[in-house]
Amino acid sequence: MNDQRPRFEVRAHHTDSTVTVYQAYRPEIGRAAARHGRFTSSWSRERMTWIKRCS
C-alpha cells in the first residue's frame, strides 16, 4: 500500500448546501495577500480554475 500523499489533491469542507474548497498559493502570493489583506499584482485571476456544479 502506498502511504505517500498524492502530488495533487482537493481539500474541501461541505454541508448540505455549500462546498468550500481550499486553494493553495505559492508562498510569495500567500504572504503578500496576508500582509495586505487582499491579493496583490503577483496574483492573476486568469490562472484560476473554477469548480462547476454537476447538474
C-alpha atoms as a PDB file:
ATOM      1  CA  MET A   1       0.000   0.000   0.000  1.00  0.00           C
ATOM      2  CA  ASN A   2       1.273   3.467  -0.881  1.00  0.00           C
ATOM      3  CA  ASP A   3       1.291   5.722   2.212  1.00  0.00           C
ATOM      4  CA  GLN A   4       2.517   8.784   0.327  1.00  0.00           C
ATOM      5  CA  ARG A   5       0.172  11.693  -0.296  1.00  0.00           C
ATOM      6  CA  PRO A   6      -0.763  12.333  -3.923  1.00  0.00           C
ATOM      7  CA  ARG A   7       1.004  15.183  -5.695  1.00  0.00           C
ATOM      8  CA  PHE A   8      -2.344  16.910  -6.240  1.00  0.00           C
ATOM      9  CA  GLU A   9      -5.412  16.673  -4.055  1.00  0.00           C
ATOM     10  CA  VAL A  10      -8.614  18.593  -3.413  1.00  0.00           C
ATOM     11  CA  ARG A  11      -9.291  19.733   0.132  1.00  0.00           C
ATOM     12  CA  ALA A  12     -12.817  20.839   0.868  1.00  0.00           C
ATOM     13  CA  HIS A  13     -15.461  21.123   3.567  1.00  0.00           C
ATOM     14  CA  HIS A  14     -19.133  20.616   2.792  1.00  0.00           C
ATOM     15  CA  THR A  15     -22.565  20.982   4.322  1.00  0.00           C
ATOM     16  CA  ASP A  16     -25.966  20.145   2.858  1.00  0.00           C
ATOM     17  CA  SER A  17     -25.993  23.471   0.995  1.00  0.00           C
ATOM     18  CA  THR A  18     -22.358  24.588   0.479  1.00  0.00           C
ATOM     19  CA  VAL A  19     -18.933  23.373  -0.552  1.00  0.00           C
ATOM     20  CA  THR A  20     -15.820  25.296   0.500  1.00  0.00           C
ATOM     21  CA  VAL A  21     -12.684  24.372  -1.446  1.00  0.00           C
ATOM     22  CA  TYR A  22      -9.281  25.393  -0.144  1.00  0.00           C
ATOM     23  CA  GLN A  23      -6.793  26.797  -2.644  1.00  0.00           C
ATOM     24  CA  ALA A  24      -3.034  26.718  -2.117  1.00  0.00           C
ATOM     25  CA  TYR A  25      -0.869  29.545  -3.430  1.00  0.00           C
ATOM     26  CA  ARG A  26       2.849  29.985  -3.881  1.00  0.00           C
ATOM     27  CA  PRO A  27       4.376  31.390  -0.657  1.00  0.00           C
ATOM     28  CA  GLU A  28       5.057  34.818  -2.173  1.00  0.00           C
ATOM     29  CA  ILE A  29       1.403  35.184  -3.214  1.00  0.00           C
ATOM     30  CA  GLY A  30       0.014  33.919   0.109  1.00  0.00           C
ATOM     31  CA  ARG A  31       2.317  36.083   2.244  1.00  0.00           C
ATOM     32  CA  ALA A  32       1.556  39.232   0.233  1.00  0.00           C
ATOM     33  CA  ALA A  33      -2.192  38.564   0.481  1.00  0.00           C
ATOM     34  CA  ALA A  34      -1.962  38.018   4.248  1.00  0.00           C
ATOM     35  CA  ARG A  35       0.162  41.153   4.689  1.00  0.00           C
ATOM     36  CA  HIS A  36      -2.109  43.405   2.586  1.00  0.00           C
ATOM     37  CA  GLY A  37      -5.483  41.770   3.276  1.00  0.00           C
ATOM     38  CA  ARG A  38      -6.043  41.241  -0.455  1.00  0.00           C
ATOM     39  CA  PHE A  39      -4.347  39.704  -3.460  1.00  0.00           C
ATOM     40  CA  THR A  40      -1.590  41.840  -4.953  1.00  0.00           C
ATOM     41  CA  SER A  41      -0.398  42.115  -8.553  1.00  0.00           C
ATOM     42  CA  SER A  42       1.510  38.807  -8.291  1.00  0.00           C
ATOM     43  CA  TRP A  43      -1.877  37.018  -8.299  1.00  0.00           C
ATOM     44  CA  SER A  44      -3.782  36.616 -11.572  1.00  0.00           C
ATOM     45  CA  ARG A  45      -7.473  35.832 -11.993  1.00  0.00           C
ATOM     46  CA  GLU A  46      -6.570  34.445 -15.434  1.00  0.00           C
ATOM     47  CA  ARG A  47      -4.835  31.441 -13.810  1.00  0.00           C
ATOM     48  CA  MET A  48      -7.752  30.430 -11.593  1.00  0.00           C
ATOM     49  CA  THR A  49      -9.581  27.138 -12.007  1.00  0.00           C
ATOM     50  CA  TRP A  50     -13.301  27.340 -11.452  1.00  0.00           C
ATOM     51  CA  ILE A  51     -15.149  24.446  -9.904  1.00  0.00           C
ATOM     52  CA  LYS A  52     -18.508  23.887 -11.530  1.00  0.00           C
ATOM     53  CA  ARG A  53     -21.567  22.246 -10.068  1.00  0.00           C
ATOM     54  CA  CYS A  54     -22.651  18.919 -11.515  1.00  0.00           C
ATOM     55  CA  SER A  55     -26.262  19.002 -12.635  1.00  0.00           C
END
